[in-house]
Every structure is written in structure tokens, then in C-alpha cells.
Amino acid sequence: MKRICKLIADYMGVLVLLSAVLALIWPDVFNHVKPTVINPLLGVIMFGMGLTLRWDDFRVVFTRPRDVIIGCIAQFTVMPMLAWILARLFALDEALTVGVVLVGCCPGGTASNVITYLAKGDLALSVGMTGVSTLLAPVVTPLLVWLLAGKTVDVDVSGMLLSILWVVILPIVAGIIVKRLLPQLTEQATAYLPALSSLAIAAIVLIVIAANAQKLLTSGLIIILVVMLHNICGLSIGYGIGRLLHLPRAKRKAVSIEVGMQNSGLASSLATLHFATYPMATIPGAVFSVWHNISGALVARWFARKETKL
């Protein structure tokens, strides 16, 4: 069983891509699954993340606050502004603009920690940045969405804040508490968590794309291009910021990956809950989920090979 779980986790990008393709080819098969299950699935991912965290993982926040502050400022400025610029540059409609902005304003994704580890980056900094950006998200994400998209659509700031608290913060805290109370059981479960998270992410992508398959096929190329540019520019600018501030190579890699890889599942969930009148707003998050797992794997391999040559 552990071998199967490792295989699923190792090929998460392929699994997510396969889910997207299946949803596009046979949307009617998966359309009966209600989008309301996205929140519980995201909660499962966040709970799993909580089970892997220790209070000591947040020590980096206090021992190296400068690094974490640099990373979080980059996280909540680079990606939101890139999202807004790309939406304007490609003249996206309101629904897609909301979706792209939502992705840009979300905290770092859980996959970023795995990618940082594979890239031989500063894992402690990556975990610290993910944790802090996630804790800041209930306040920062709704405000940024309101600032960048509020002029064109009605943004429920308080509703989004509560959604993030319930779907992200509460499951993470619950996971940390369970790990503290049941350390041996949690240790045994840890081997299966990456596979469980991979399956949950693939399921979210499947549901979102199946629900919007027809619209994605008609306007898919433009949103795929925007999402790819968003992610690639985020990774590049994140690394550039680290270099500009003379951070060591390992820290640069962590900042790059944290900035470029978003919690796109959360973006799709928030779009489903708070922008029901804009069904296409869920699409950028789903596409980002597919693409950033592919780009993340490629970036990790490239970073690791460069490290070996040095």
C-alpha cells in the first residue's frame, strides 16, 4: 500500500493532468458530482498539511523573521499584481478576471513544500512562508480581491474571510492538535498523506473542469496561456527578488517556489462559494492546479540538477 501511495504522490502532476483530460472528454460522466464537495476535499488537504506540521516548524518565523517577511510580502504583491496586469493585458471578461485575481491573491499551496524539498531549497523557510501566508489569508486574500476586482464585481469580503477560516485555518489547526495528541498514529498515517492530498487535488480539478468543460473548450487557450504566464512570471520574479536581496541560493529557490505556486484549490473553492453568478471564475484555479504541478516538477528537477553541477 505504501508503495502505491508513493507512486501516486510521485506522479501527482500526471494524475492531475489525466483528471483534467478525462473531465474535458467525458464531462457528463462527472457532472453529477456537486461542486459543494470541493470544500470538504480542500479541508482534507489542509488537515493533512496540519498533520505534517509541528510547532517547531514555525520557529523559523521567530528565528529568521526577515526571510519570512520578504517571502510573504512577495507572495501577496507579486502574484496579485501579475494577475491584474495579465487580466488587463489579455482583456479577460469579468468572470475570468475574478478567477485569475483569486488565484493571485491566495496563499502558497501545500505542494510548494514538496517542490522546495525536491529542488534542494530551504524547506524550513518554505514551510514557514506557507504557514504564515495561510494564517494571513483570511484577512489579506479578501481585501486584495476587493481591491483588484471589487470595482467590477461584488466581493463578499466577510464571507470569504469566514470561508478561509473554516476551510483552511480550522483543518490545519485540527491537524496540528491531532498530531500533538496522537503522535504515533499520526506518524503511521504520514506516509499516506501525500497520496491522499494528490487524489483530493485531482478530484477538485475533475469536478471544476467537468462543470465548465464546454466553456473551457471555447475559451480555453487564452486562459491556459494566462495561467502559464502567471505561474512562470511568479517563479522568475520570486527568484529575482531573492537574488536582488542577496539571499543564499537555497533561500532564493524557496522564495521562488512559494511565490509562484498558489493554493489554487482554495481559489476554485472561493469562486464556487462566492461567485456563483460567474461559473467561469472557477476555471483559472483548476487550470493552475494542473499547470503548477507540471511546472513545479520541472523547476525542481532543473534546480536540483544545477545544484549537483555546482
Protein backbone atom coordinates (compact mmCIF):
# COMPACT_ATOMS: atom_id res chain seq x y z
CA MET A 1 0.00 0.00 0.00
CA LYS A 2 2.83 2.41 0.86
CA ARG A 3 4.43 1.71 -2.50
CA ILE A 4 1.18 2.56 -4.31
CA CYS A 5 0.80 5.77 -2.26
CA LYS A 6 4.35 6.79 -3.08
CA LEU A 7 3.66 6.19 -6.78
CA ILE A 8 0.53 8.37 -6.62
CA ALA A 9 2.41 11.18 -4.84
CA ASP A 10 5.41 10.99 -7.20
CA TYR A 11 3.20 11.28 -10.27
CA MET A 12 0.76 13.88 -8.89
CA GLY A 13 1.25 16.12 -11.94
CA VAL A 14 0.37 13.28 -14.31
CA LEU A 15 -2.66 12.35 -12.18
CA VAL A 16 -3.98 15.93 -12.14
CA LEU A 17 -3.41 16.29 -15.90
CA LEU A 18 -5.22 12.98 -16.52
CA SER A 19 -8.16 14.19 -14.40
CA ALA A 20 -8.39 17.38 -16.46
CA VAL A 21 -8.31 15.44 -19.76
CA LEU A 22 -10.99 12.96 -18.59
CA ALA A 23 -13.22 15.83 -17.42
CA LEU A 24 -12.89 17.50 -20.84
CA ILE A 25 -13.57 14.31 -22.82
CA TRP A 26 -16.45 12.96 -20.70
CA PRO A 27 -17.86 15.91 -18.70
CA ASP A 28 -21.33 14.31 -18.43
CA VAL A 29 -19.88 11.34 -16.53
CA PHE A 30 -18.56 13.59 -13.76
CA ASN A 31 -21.14 16.39 -13.88
CA HIS A 32 -23.39 14.70 -11.32
CA VAL A 33 -20.75 15.39 -8.62
CA LYS A 34 -21.80 18.63 -6.91
CA PRO A 35 -19.22 21.47 -6.59
CA THR A 36 -20.15 21.65 -2.88
CA VAL A 37 -17.80 18.71 -2.24
CA ILE A 38 -14.82 20.93 -3.14
CA ASN A 39 -14.75 22.49 0.34
CA PRO A 40 -14.59 19.15 2.20
CA LEU A 41 -11.87 17.96 -0.19
CA LEU A 42 -9.86 21.11 0.43
CA GLY A 43 -10.41 20.64 4.16
CA VAL A 44 -8.94 17.13 3.88
CA ILE A 45 -5.84 18.56 2.16
CA MET A 46 -5.43 21.25 4.82
CA PHE A 47 -5.98 18.74 7.64
CA GLY A 48 -3.28 16.53 6.11
CA MET A 49 -0.95 19.54 5.97
CA GLY A 50 -1.65 20.18 9.66
CA LEU A 51 -0.75 16.58 10.49
CA THR A 52 2.68 17.06 8.91
CA LEU A 53 3.41 20.32 10.75
CA ARG A 54 4.97 20.78 14.16
CA TRP A 55 5.05 23.86 16.33
CA ASP A 56 8.83 23.79 15.75
CA ASP A 57 8.19 24.31 12.03
CA PHE A 58 7.04 27.83 12.83
CA ARG A 59 10.25 28.56 14.74
CA VAL A 60 11.70 29.94 11.51
CA VAL A 61 9.18 32.80 11.81
CA PHE A 62 10.87 33.95 15.00
CA THR A 63 14.46 32.92 14.29
CA ARG A 64 14.53 34.28 10.72
CA PRO A 65 11.69 36.82 10.55
CA ARG A 66 13.38 38.84 7.78
CA ASP A 67 13.33 35.89 5.36
CA VAL A 68 9.68 35.07 6.09
CA ILE A 69 8.60 38.72 5.82
CA ILE A 70 10.40 39.08 2.47
CA GLY A 71 8.71 35.93 1.20
CA CYS A 72 5.21 36.86 2.40
CA ILE A 73 5.41 40.42 1.03
CA ALA A 74 6.49 38.96 -2.32
CA GLN A 75 3.67 36.40 -2.12
CA PHE A 76 0.93 38.98 -1.60
CA THR A 77 2.26 41.62 -4.01
CA VAL A 78 3.85 39.85 -6.99
CA MET A 79 1.10 37.33 -7.77
CA PRO A 80 -1.91 39.65 -7.21
CA MET A 81 -0.37 42.39 -9.36
CA LEU A 82 0.64 39.90 -12.07
CA ALA A 83 -2.93 38.57 -12.09
CA TRP A 84 -4.39 42.06 -12.51
CA ILE A 85 -1.89 43.03 -15.23
CA LEU A 86 -2.43 39.80 -17.21
CA ALA A 87 -6.23 40.12 -16.96
CA ARG A 88 -6.00 43.64 -18.39
CA LEU A 89 -3.37 42.74 -20.99
CA PHE A 90 -5.46 39.88 -22.40
CA ALA A 91 -8.77 41.77 -21.94
CA LEU A 92 -10.35 38.91 -19.97
CA ASP A 93 -14.05 39.13 -19.19
CA GLU A 94 -15.28 39.69 -15.61
CA ALA A 95 -15.62 36.01 -14.73
CA LEU A 96 -12.12 35.02 -15.85
CA THR A 97 -10.65 38.19 -14.33
CA VAL A 98 -12.15 37.26 -10.95
CA GLY A 99 -10.77 33.72 -11.28
CA VAL A 100 -7.24 34.85 -12.18
CA VAL A 101 -7.23 37.51 -9.43
CA LEU A 102 -8.45 34.93 -6.89
CA VAL A 103 -5.56 32.63 -7.77
CA GLY A 104 -3.11 35.52 -7.43
CA CYS A 105 -4.45 36.60 -4.04
CA CYS A 106 -4.42 33.14 -2.42
CA PRO A 107 -1.63 31.97 -0.08
CA GLY A 108 1.08 29.49 -1.04
CA GLY A 109 -0.01 25.97 -1.94
CA THR A 110 0.85 22.86 0.05
CA ALA A 111 2.64 21.36 -2.98
CA SER A 112 5.25 24.14 -2.74
CA ASN A 113 6.86 22.47 0.29
CA VAL A 114 7.30 19.20 -1.61
CA ILE A 115 8.70 21.01 -4.67
CA THR A 116 11.11 23.04 -2.48
CA TYR A 117 12.35 19.82 -0.90
CA LEU A 118 12.89 18.19 -4.32
CA ALA A 119 14.63 21.35 -5.57
CA LYS A 120 17.06 21.21 -2.60
CA GLY A 121 15.77 24.57 -1.38
CA ASP A 122 15.34 25.91 2.16
CA LEU A 123 12.49 23.65 3.35
CA ALA A 124 12.15 25.34 6.77
CA LEU A 125 11.67 28.71 5.08
CA SER A 126 9.15 27.20 2.63
CA VAL A 127 7.09 25.69 5.46
CA GLY A 128 7.29 28.94 7.45
CA MET A 129 6.15 31.02 4.46
CA THR A 130 3.28 28.64 3.65
CA GLY A 131 2.15 28.68 7.27
CA VAL A 132 2.34 32.46 7.70
CA SER A 133 0.74 33.28 4.32
CA THR A 134 -2.07 30.82 5.12
CA LEU A 135 -2.64 32.42 8.53
CA LEU A 136 -2.71 35.87 6.90
CA ALA A 137 -5.03 34.73 4.09
CA PRO A 138 -8.39 35.15 5.93
CA VAL A 139 -7.74 38.91 6.07
CA VAL A 140 -5.34 39.59 3.18
CA THR A 141 -6.97 37.48 0.42
CA PRO A 142 -10.49 39.00 0.61
CA LEU A 143 -9.08 42.53 0.86
CA LEU A 144 -6.80 42.06 -2.16
CA VAL A 145 -9.63 40.55 -4.22
CA TRP A 146 -11.83 43.50 -3.25
CA LEU A 147 -9.10 46.00 -4.20
CA LEU A 148 -8.25 44.37 -7.54
CA ALA A 149 -11.65 43.00 -8.65
CA GLY A 150 -14.15 44.81 -6.42
CA LYS A 151 -14.67 47.61 -8.91
CA THR A 152 -16.21 45.26 -11.46
CA VAL A 153 -17.92 42.64 -9.26
CA ASP A 154 -19.49 42.48 -5.82
CA VAL A 155 -16.94 40.91 -3.46
CA ASP A 156 -18.21 39.42 -0.19
CA VAL A 157 -15.13 40.21 1.93
CA SER A 158 -16.52 38.96 5.26
CA GLY A 159 -17.91 35.81 3.63
CA MET A 160 -14.55 34.99 2.06
CA LEU A 161 -12.81 35.61 5.39
CA LEU A 162 -15.10 33.11 7.14
CA SER A 163 -14.72 30.58 4.30
CA ILE A 164 -10.92 30.63 4.61
CA LEU A 165 -11.15 30.29 8.39
CA TRP A 166 -13.43 27.25 8.14
CA VAL A 167 -11.90 25.54 5.11
CA VAL A 168 -8.19 26.30 5.65
CA ILE A 169 -7.25 27.50 9.13
CA LEU A 170 -9.53 25.24 11.20
CA PRO A 171 -8.48 21.96 9.48
CA ILE A 172 -4.78 22.91 9.77
CA VAL A 173 -5.12 23.70 13.49
CA ALA A 174 -7.10 20.46 13.98
CA GLY A 175 -4.31 18.53 12.23
CA ILE A 176 -1.62 20.08 14.44
CA ILE A 177 -3.66 19.26 17.60
CA VAL A 178 -4.29 15.65 16.48
CA LYS A 179 -0.57 15.21 15.81
CA ARG A 180 0.20 16.53 19.28
CA LEU A 181 -2.34 14.23 20.99
CA LEU A 182 -1.76 11.10 18.86
CA PRO A 183 1.87 11.26 17.69
CA GLN A 184 2.33 7.52 16.98
CA LEU A 185 -0.89 7.19 14.96
CA THR A 186 -0.06 10.37 13.04
CA GLU A 187 3.44 9.09 12.29
CA GLN A 188 1.94 5.95 10.73
CA ALA A 189 -0.55 7.99 8.69
CA THR A 190 2.07 10.43 7.36
CA ALA A 191 3.24 8.01 4.65
CA TYR A 192 -0.25 8.03 3.10
CA LEU A 193 -0.95 11.78 3.31
CA PRO A 194 0.81 12.94 0.08
CA ALA A 195 -1.19 10.39 -1.92
CA LEU A 196 -4.43 11.44 -0.22
CA SER A 197 -3.72 15.11 -0.98
CA SER A 198 -2.84 14.26 -4.59
CA LEU A 199 -6.13 12.39 -5.06
CA ALA A 200 -8.10 15.25 -3.46
CA ILE A 201 -6.44 17.85 -5.74
CA ALA A 202 -7.14 15.65 -8.78
CA ALA A 203 -10.79 15.31 -7.70
CA ILE A 204 -11.16 19.11 -7.35
CA VAL A 205 -9.74 19.61 -10.85
CA LEU A 206 -12.05 16.90 -12.21
CA ILE A 207 -15.18 18.48 -10.68
CA VAL A 208 -14.40 22.06 -11.69
CA ILE A 209 -13.37 21.28 -15.28
CA ALA A 210 -16.29 18.86 -15.86
CA ALA A 211 -18.73 21.56 -14.74
CA ASN A 212 -17.25 24.08 -17.20
CA ALA A 213 -15.91 21.82 -19.96
CA GLN A 214 -17.86 23.42 -22.83
CA LYS A 215 -16.86 26.97 -21.90
CA LEU A 216 -13.25 25.91 -21.33
CA LEU A 217 -13.09 24.34 -24.80
CA THR A 218 -14.29 27.58 -26.41
CA SER A 219 -12.06 29.97 -24.46
CA GLY A 220 -9.53 27.55 -23.01
CA LEU A 221 -6.41 28.53 -24.93
CA ILE A 222 -6.38 32.10 -23.68
CA ILE A 223 -6.85 31.14 -20.02
CA ILE A 224 -4.22 28.39 -20.27
CA LEU A 225 -1.77 30.95 -21.66
CA VAL A 226 -2.61 33.47 -18.91
CA VAL A 227 -2.22 30.83 -16.18
CA MET A 228 1.12 29.63 -17.57
CA LEU A 229 2.45 33.19 -17.77
CA HIS A 230 1.17 33.94 -14.25
CA ASN A 231 2.99 30.95 -12.79
CA ILE A 232 6.22 31.30 -14.80
CA CYS A 233 6.49 35.05 -14.09
CA GLY A 234 5.81 34.41 -10.39
CA LEU A 235 8.57 31.79 -10.19
CA SER A 236 11.02 34.05 -12.07
CA ILE A 237 10.25 37.24 -10.15
CA GLY A 238 10.36 35.35 -6.82
CA TYR A 239 13.85 34.09 -7.64
CA GLY A 240 14.86 37.55 -8.85
CA ILE A 241 13.76 39.15 -5.58
CA GLY A 242 15.88 36.64 -3.65
CA ARG A 243 18.85 37.39 -5.86
CA LEU A 244 18.35 41.17 -5.58
CA LEU A 245 18.36 40.87 -1.78
CA HIS A 246 21.50 38.66 -1.88
CA LEU A 247 19.76 35.67 -0.29
CA PRO A 248 21.64 32.33 -0.41
CA ARG A 249 20.72 30.01 -3.30
CA ALA A 250 18.61 27.67 -1.13
CA LYS A 251 16.51 30.60 0.12
CA ARG A 252 16.10 32.00 -3.39
CA LYS A 253 14.67 28.68 -4.52
CA ALA A 254 12.23 28.59 -1.59
CA VAL A 255 11.02 32.15 -2.25
CA SER A 256 10.70 31.47 -5.98
CA ILE A 257 8.60 28.33 -5.49
CA GLU A 258 6.47 29.83 -2.71
CA VAL A 259 5.66 32.91 -4.76
CA GLY A 260 4.95 31.01 -7.99
CA MET A 261 2.86 28.14 -6.56
CA GLN A 262 -0.54 29.16 -5.21
CA ASN A 263 -3.27 27.40 -3.25
CA SER A 264 -5.31 27.12 -6.44
CA GLY A 265 -7.76 24.66 -4.87
CA LEU A 266 -8.74 27.41 -2.44
CA ALA A 267 -9.22 29.80 -5.38
CA SER A 268 -11.64 27.37 -7.07
CA SER A 269 -13.46 26.81 -3.79
CA LEU A 270 -13.88 30.54 -3.11
CA ALA A 271 -15.04 31.10 -6.69
CA THR A 272 -17.67 28.36 -6.30
CA LEU A 273 -18.92 29.75 -3.00
CA HIS A 274 -18.83 33.49 -3.59
CA PHE A 275 -19.04 34.00 -7.35
CA ALA A 276 -21.81 31.58 -8.35
CA THR A 277 -23.03 34.08 -10.97
CA TYR A 278 -19.63 33.75 -12.68
CA PRO A 279 -19.20 29.97 -13.28
CA MET A 280 -16.04 30.51 -15.35
CA ALA A 281 -14.34 32.09 -12.30
CA THR A 282 -13.57 28.57 -11.09
CA ILE A 283 -11.60 27.68 -14.25
CA PRO A 284 -8.30 29.58 -13.63
CA GLY A 285 -7.87 27.81 -10.28
CA ALA A 286 -8.44 24.40 -11.88
CA VAL A 287 -6.06 25.12 -14.76
CA PHE A 288 -3.47 26.48 -12.32
CA SER A 289 -3.75 23.24 -10.28
CA VAL A 290 -2.85 21.25 -13.38
CA TRP A 291 -0.13 23.53 -14.68
CA HIS A 292 1.75 24.42 -11.47
CA ASN A 293 2.21 20.75 -10.61
CA ILE A 294 3.80 20.21 -14.04
CA SER A 295 5.94 23.38 -13.90
CA GLY A 296 6.83 22.71 -10.25
CA ALA A 297 8.16 19.25 -11.08
CA LEU A 298 10.20 20.67 -13.99
CA VAL A 299 11.56 23.54 -11.88
CA ALA A 300 12.51 21.18 -9.04
CA ARG A 301 14.39 18.94 -11.45
CA TRP A 302 16.19 21.92 -13.02
CA PHE A 303 17.16 23.43 -9.65
CA ALA A 304 18.35 20.05 -8.32
CA ARG A 305 20.49 19.40 -11.42
CA LYS A 306 22.09 22.85 -11.18
CA GLU A 307 22.88 22.14 -7.53
CA THR A 308 24.55 18.85 -8.46
CA LYS A 309 26.76 20.56 -11.05
CA LEU A 310 28.00 23.15 -8.53
